[in-house]
PDB file of all heavy atoms in Angstrom:
ATOM      1  N   GLY A   1     145.082 122.190 139.666  1.00  0.00           N
ATOM      2  CA  GLY A   1     145.625 120.841 139.771  1.00  0.00           C
ATOM      3  C   GLY A   1     147.023 120.831 140.354  1.00  0.00           C
ATOM      4  O   GLY A   1     147.720 121.858 140.338  1.00  0.00           O
ATOM      5  N   TRP A   2     147.398 119.684 140.869  1.00  0.00           N
ATOM      6  CA  TRP A   2     148.767 119.425 141.329  1.00  0.00           C
ATOM      7  C   TRP A   2     149.308 118.240 140.524  1.00  0.00           C
ATOM      8  O   TRP A   2     148.624 117.229 140.339  1.00  0.00           O
ATOM      9  CB  TRP A   2     148.808 119.071 142.811  1.00  0.00           C
ATOM     10  CG  TRP A   2     148.630 120.226 143.743  1.00  0.00           C
ATOM     11  CD1 TRP A   2     147.469 120.617 144.347  1.00  0.00           C
ATOM     12  CD2 TRP A   2     149.634 121.126 144.197  1.00  0.00           C
ATOM     13  NE1 TRP A   2     147.701 121.713 145.135  1.00  0.00           N
ATOM     14  CE2 TRP A   2     149.025 122.043 145.069  1.00  0.00           C
ATOM     15  CE3 TRP A   2     151.016 121.254 143.958  1.00  0.00           C
ATOM     16  CZ2 TRP A   2     149.727 123.075 145.698  1.00  0.00           C
ATOM     17  CZ3 TRP A   2     151.717 122.262 144.583  1.00  0.00           C
ATOM     18  CH2 TRP A   2     151.073 123.169 145.447  1.00  0.00           C
ATOM     19  N   PHE A   3     150.523 118.393 140.072  1.00  0.00           N
ATOM     20  CA  PHE A   3     151.241 117.339 139.366  1.00  0.00           C
ATOM     21  C   PHE A   3     152.605 117.181 140.027  1.00  0.00           C
ATOM     22  O   PHE A   3     153.029 118.044 140.799  1.00  0.00           O
ATOM     23  CB  PHE A   3     151.431 117.699 137.885  1.00  0.00           C
ATOM     24  CG  PHE A   3     150.159 117.661 137.085  1.00  0.00           C
ATOM     25  CD1 PHE A   3     149.208 118.656 137.213  1.00  0.00           C
ATOM     26  CD2 PHE A   3     149.923 116.637 136.182  1.00  0.00           C
ATOM     27  CE1 PHE A   3     148.021 118.627 136.479  1.00  0.00           C
ATOM     28  CE2 PHE A   3     148.760 116.590 135.428  1.00  0.00           C
ATOM     29  CZ  PHE A   3     147.814 117.591 135.595  1.00  0.00           C
ATOM     30  N   ARG A   4     153.288 116.097 139.714  1.00  0.00           N
ATOM     31  CA  ARG A   4     154.636 115.908 140.240  1.00  0.00           C
ATOM     32  C   ARG A   4     155.500 115.210 139.198  1.00  0.00           C
ATOM     33  O   ARG A   4     154.996 114.510 138.309  1.00  0.00           O
ATOM     34  CB  ARG A   4     154.612 115.108 141.542  1.00  0.00           C
ATOM     35  CG  ARG A   4     154.169 113.662 141.392  1.00  0.00           C
ATOM     36  CD  ARG A   4     154.022 113.016 142.780  1.00  0.00           C
ATOM     37  NE  ARG A   4     153.645 111.602 142.682  1.00  0.00           N
ATOM     38  CZ  ARG A   4     153.335 110.843 143.727  1.00  0.00           C
ATOM     39  NH1 ARG A   4     153.366 111.372 144.959  1.00  0.00           N
ATOM     40  NH2 ARG A   4     153.005 109.585 143.567  1.00  0.00           N
ATOM     41  N   GLN A   5     156.791 115.416 139.353  1.00  0.00           N
ATOM     42  CA  GLN A   5     157.749 114.791 138.437  1.00  0.00           C
ATOM     43  C   GLN A   5     158.975 114.366 139.211  1.00  0.00           C
ATOM     44  O   GLN A   5     159.651 115.200 139.822  1.00  0.00           O
ATOM     45  CB  GLN A   5     158.127 115.746 137.308  1.00  0.00           C
ATOM     46  CG  GLN A   5     158.973 115.106 136.232  1.00  0.00           C
ATOM     47  CD  GLN A   5     159.090 115.978 135.001  1.00  0.00           C
ATOM     48  OE1 GLN A   5     158.854 117.190 135.041  1.00  0.00           O
ATOM     49  NE2 GLN A   5     159.447 115.373 133.877  1.00  0.00           N
ATOM     50  N   ALA A   6     159.239 113.094 139.192  1.00  0.00           N
ATOM     51  CA  ALA A   6     160.441 112.547 139.811  1.00  0.00           C
ATOM     52  C   ALA A   6     161.555 112.475 138.772  1.00  0.00           C
ATOM     53  O   ALA A   6     161.278 112.428 137.566  1.00  0.00           O
ATOM     54  CB  ALA A   6     160.146 111.163 140.374  1.00  0.00           C
ATOM     55  N   PRO A   7     162.802 112.456 139.199  1.00  0.00           N
ATOM     56  CA  PRO A   7     163.920 112.400 138.245  1.00  0.00           C
ATOM     57  C   PRO A   7     163.808 111.208 137.305  1.00  0.00           C
ATOM     58  O   PRO A   7     163.568 110.082 137.737  1.00  0.00           O
ATOM     59  CB  PRO A   7     165.140 112.272 139.163  1.00  0.00           C
ATOM     60  CG  PRO A   7     164.720 112.900 140.442  1.00  0.00           C
ATOM     61  CD  PRO A   7     163.268 112.555 140.594  1.00  0.00           C
ATOM     62  N   GLY A   8     163.941 111.477 136.022  1.00  0.00           N
ATOM     63  CA  GLY A   8     163.899 110.413 135.031  1.00  0.00           C
ATOM     64  C   GLY A   8     162.512 109.914 134.691  1.00  0.00           C
ATOM     65  O   GLY A   8     162.372 108.963 133.915  1.00  0.00           O
ATOM     66  N   GLN A   9     161.493 110.556 135.270  1.00  0.00           N
ATOM     67  CA  GLN A   9     160.126 110.121 135.008  1.00  0.00           C
ATOM     68  C   GLN A   9     159.305 111.258 134.406  1.00  0.00           C
ATOM     69  O   GLN A   9     159.687 112.423 134.475  1.00  0.00           O
ATOM     70  CB  GLN A   9     159.472 109.636 136.304  1.00  0.00           C
ATOM     71  CG  GLN A   9     160.167 108.440 136.925  1.00  0.00           C
ATOM     72  CD  GLN A   9     159.412 107.894 138.128  1.00  0.00           C
ATOM     73  OE1 GLN A   9     158.222 108.132 138.294  1.00  0.00           O
ATOM     74  NE2 GLN A   9     160.113 107.153 138.960  1.00  0.00           N
ATOM     75  N   GLU A  10     158.171 110.886 133.826  1.00  0.00           N
ATOM     76  CA  GLU A  10     157.296 111.895 133.251  1.00  0.00           C
ATOM     77  C   GLU A  10     156.482 112.574 134.357  1.00  0.00           C
ATOM     78  O   GLU A  10     156.270 112.020 135.440  1.00  0.00           O
ATOM     79  CB  GLU A  10     156.356 111.252 132.231  1.00  0.00           C
ATOM     80  CG  GLU A  10     157.063 110.698 131.009  1.00  0.00           C
ATOM     81  CD  GLU A  10     156.097 110.236 129.941  1.00  0.00           C
ATOM     82  OE1 GLU A  10     154.879 110.194 130.233  1.00  0.00           O
ATOM     83  OE2 GLU A  10     156.559 109.894 128.840  1.00  0.00           O
ATOM     84  N   ARG A  11     156.006 113.768 134.037  1.00  0.00           N
ATOM     85  CA  ARG A  11     155.134 114.469 134.961  1.00  0.00           C
ATOM     86  C   ARG A  11     153.832 113.688 135.097  1.00  0.00           C
ATOM     87  O   ARG A  11     153.271 113.227 134.105  1.00  0.00           O
ATOM     88  CB  ARG A  11     154.866 115.866 134.454  1.00  0.00           C
ATOM     89  CG  ARG A  11     154.178 116.769 135.437  1.00  0.00           C
ATOM     90  CD  ARG A  11     154.108 118.201 134.943  1.00  0.00           C
ATOM     91  NE  ARG A  11     155.437 118.766 134.749  1.00  0.00           N
ATOM     92  CZ  ARG A  11     155.656 120.063 134.494  1.00  0.00           C
ATOM     93  NH1 ARG A  11     154.643 120.888 134.408  1.00  0.00           N
ATOM     94  NH2 ARG A  11     156.885 120.495 134.310  1.00  0.00           N
ATOM     95  N   GLU A  12     153.357 113.549 136.337  1.00  0.00           N
ATOM     96  CA  GLU A  12     152.142 112.777 136.555  1.00  0.00           C
ATOM     97  C   GLU A  12     151.135 113.551 137.383  1.00  0.00           C
ATOM     98  O   GLU A  12     151.491 114.387 138.221  1.00  0.00           O
ATOM     99  CB  GLU A  12     152.460 111.447 137.249  1.00  0.00           C
ATOM    100  CG  GLU A  12     153.014 111.564 138.648  1.00  0.00           C
ATOM    101  CD  GLU A  12     153.156 110.220 139.338  1.00  0.00           C
ATOM    102  OE1 GLU A  12     152.843 109.180 138.739  1.00  0.00           O
ATOM    103  OE2 GLU A  12     153.585 110.216 140.515  1.00  0.00           O
ATOM    104  N   PHE A  13     149.890 113.239 137.151  1.00  0.00           N
ATOM    105  CA  PHE A  13     148.778 113.854 137.869  1.00  0.00           C
ATOM    106  C   PHE A  13     148.786 113.414 139.334  1.00  0.00           C
ATOM    107  O   PHE A  13     149.033 112.238 139.629  1.00  0.00           O
ATOM    108  CB  PHE A  13     147.472 113.443 137.212  1.00  0.00           C
ATOM    109  CG  PHE A  13     146.240 113.785 137.990  1.00  0.00           C
ATOM    110  CD1 PHE A  13     145.747 115.077 137.979  1.00  0.00           C
ATOM    111  CD2 PHE A  13     145.577 112.830 138.734  1.00  0.00           C
ATOM    112  CE1 PHE A  13     144.606 115.404 138.693  1.00  0.00           C
ATOM    113  CE2 PHE A  13     144.439 113.142 139.452  1.00  0.00           C
ATOM    114  CZ  PHE A  13     143.956 114.437 139.434  1.00  0.00           C
ATOM    115  N   VAL A  14     148.504 114.351 140.233  1.00  0.00           N
ATOM    116  CA  VAL A  14     148.408 114.031 141.653  1.00  0.00           C
ATOM    117  C   VAL A  14     146.990 114.283 142.165  1.00  0.00           C
ATOM    118  O   VAL A  14     146.363 113.399 142.740  1.00  0.00           O
ATOM    119  CB  VAL A  14     149.415 114.861 142.475  1.00  0.00           C
ATOM    120  CG1 VAL A  14     149.229 114.599 143.967  1.00  0.00           C
ATOM    121  CG2 VAL A  14     150.842 114.561 142.045  1.00  0.00           C
ATOM    122  N   ALA A  15     146.489 115.508 141.966  1.00  0.00           N
ATOM    123  CA  ALA A  15     145.170 115.858 142.492  1.00  0.00           C
ATOM    124  C   ALA A  15     144.626 117.046 141.726  1.00  0.00           C
ATOM    125  O   ALA A  15     145.385 117.815 141.135  1.00  0.00           O
ATOM    126  CB  ALA A  15     145.249 116.180 143.976  1.00  0.00           C
ATOM    127  N   ALA A  16     143.305 117.201 141.767  1.00  0.00           N
ATOM    128  CA  ALA A  16     142.668 118.325 141.091  1.00  0.00           C
ATOM    129  C   ALA A  16     141.413 118.725 141.839  1.00  0.00           C
ATOM    130  O   ALA A  16     140.813 117.911 142.565  1.00  0.00           O
ATOM    131  CB  ALA A  16     142.335 117.958 139.644  1.00  0.00           C
ATOM    132  N   ILE A  17     141.012 119.979 141.629  1.00  0.00           N
ATOM    133  CA  ILE A  17     139.820 120.499 142.289  1.00  0.00           C
ATOM    134  C   ILE A  17     139.119 121.437 141.314  1.00  0.00           C
ATOM    135  O   ILE A  17     139.761 122.215 140.602  1.00  0.00           O
ATOM    136  CB  ILE A  17     140.206 121.214 143.606  1.00  0.00           C
ATOM    137  CG1 ILE A  17     138.978 121.619 144.404  1.00  0.00           C
ATOM    138  CG2 ILE A  17     141.122 122.407 143.343  1.00  0.00           C
ATOM    139  CD1 ILE A  17     139.312 122.028 145.838  1.00  0.00           C
ATOM    140  N   SER A  18     137.794 121.352 141.260  1.00  0.00           N
ATOM    141  CA  SER A  18     137.043 122.212 140.365  1.00  0.00           C
ATOM    142  C   SER A  18     137.005 123.636 140.900  1.00  0.00           C
ATOM    143  O   SER A  18     137.394 123.900 142.037  1.00  0.00           O
ATOM    144  CB  SER A  18     135.616 121.665 140.195  1.00  0.00           C
ATOM    145  OG  SER A  18     134.948 121.644 141.442  1.00  0.00           O
ATOM    146  N   TRP A  19     136.499 124.559 140.071  1.00  0.00           N
ATOM    147  CA  TRP A  19     136.546 125.960 140.447  1.00  0.00           C
ATOM    148  C   TRP A  19     135.759 126.234 141.729  1.00  0.00           C
ATOM    149  O   TRP A  19     136.136 127.068 142.539  1.00  0.00           O
ATOM    150  CB  TRP A  19     136.021 126.834 139.320  1.00  0.00           C
ATOM    151  CG  TRP A  19     134.535 126.731 139.100  1.00  0.00           C
ATOM    152  CD1 TRP A  19     133.871 125.830 138.326  1.00  0.00           C
ATOM    153  CD2 TRP A  19     133.523 127.571 139.670  1.00  0.00           C
ATOM    154  NE1 TRP A  19     132.520 126.034 138.370  1.00  0.00           N
ATOM    155  CE2 TRP A  19     132.270 127.099 139.192  1.00  0.00           C
ATOM    156  CE3 TRP A  19     133.550 128.668 140.544  1.00  0.00           C
ATOM    157  CZ2 TRP A  19     131.069 127.695 139.548  1.00  0.00           C
ATOM    158  CZ3 TRP A  19     132.351 129.255 140.896  1.00  0.00           C
ATOM    159  CH2 TRP A  19     131.119 128.759 140.398  1.00  0.00           C
ATOM    160  N   SER A  20     134.652 125.493 141.930  1.00  0.00           N
ATOM    161  CA  SER A  20     133.804 125.712 143.103  1.00  0.00           C
ATOM    162  C   SER A  20     134.178 124.821 144.272  1.00  0.00           C
ATOM    163  O   SER A  20     133.560 124.898 145.332  1.00  0.00           O
ATOM    164  CB  SER A  20     132.353 125.449 142.729  1.00  0.00           C
ATOM    165  OG  SER A  20     132.195 124.089 142.372  1.00  0.00           O
ATOM    166  N   ALA A  21     135.165 123.961 144.062  1.00  0.00           N
ATOM    167  CA  ALA A  21     135.589 122.974 145.066  1.00  0.00           C
ATOM    168  C   ALA A  21     134.565 121.872 145.281  1.00  0.00           C
ATOM    169  O   ALA A  21     134.700 121.085 146.220  1.00  0.00           O
ATOM    170  CB  ALA A  21     135.946 123.634 146.394  1.00  0.00           C
ATOM    171  N   SER A  22     133.571 121.795 144.422  1.00  0.00           N
ATOM    172  CA  SER A  22     132.550 120.754 144.587  1.00  0.00           C
ATOM    173  C   SER A  22     133.036 119.388 144.121  1.00  0.00           C
ATOM    174  O   SER A  22     132.486 118.360 144.508  1.00  0.00           O
ATOM    175  CB  SER A  22     131.290 121.134 143.825  1.00  0.00           C
ATOM    176  OG  SER A  22     131.576 121.307 142.454  1.00  0.00           O
ATOM    177  N   ASN A  23     134.061 119.382 143.275  1.00  0.00           N
ATOM    178  CA  ASN A  23     134.625 118.125 142.764  1.00  0.00           C
ATOM    179  C   ASN A  23     136.125 118.079 143.015  1.00  0.00           C
ATOM    180  O   ASN A  23     136.818 119.073 142.789  1.00  0.00           O
ATOM    181  CB  ASN A  23     134.378 117.978 141.264  1.00  0.00           C
ATOM    182  CG  ASN A  23     132.908 117.834 140.944  1.00  0.00           C
ATOM    183  OD1 ASN A  23     132.206 117.030 141.535  1.00  0.00           O
ATOM    184  ND2 ASN A  23     132.428 118.627 140.003  1.00  0.00           N
ATOM    185  N   THR A  24     136.607 116.947 143.467  1.00  0.00           N
ATOM    186  CA  THR A  24     138.029 116.709 143.626  1.00  0.00           C
ATOM    187  C   THR A  24     138.360 115.337 143.053  1.00  0.00           C
ATOM    188  O   THR A  24     137.488 114.480 142.908  1.00  0.00           O
ATOM    189  CB  THR A  24     138.477 116.760 145.095  1.00  0.00           C
ATOM    190  OG1 THR A  24     137.746 115.778 145.840  1.00  0.00           O
ATOM    191  CG2 THR A  24     138.234 118.135 145.703  1.00  0.00           C
TER     192      THR A  24
END
């Protein structure tokens, strides 16, 4: 997965991929 955090904000989900890449 990829997450991001901007200053003063909570970490948020950006993108994810399953182990086989069949799901994103």
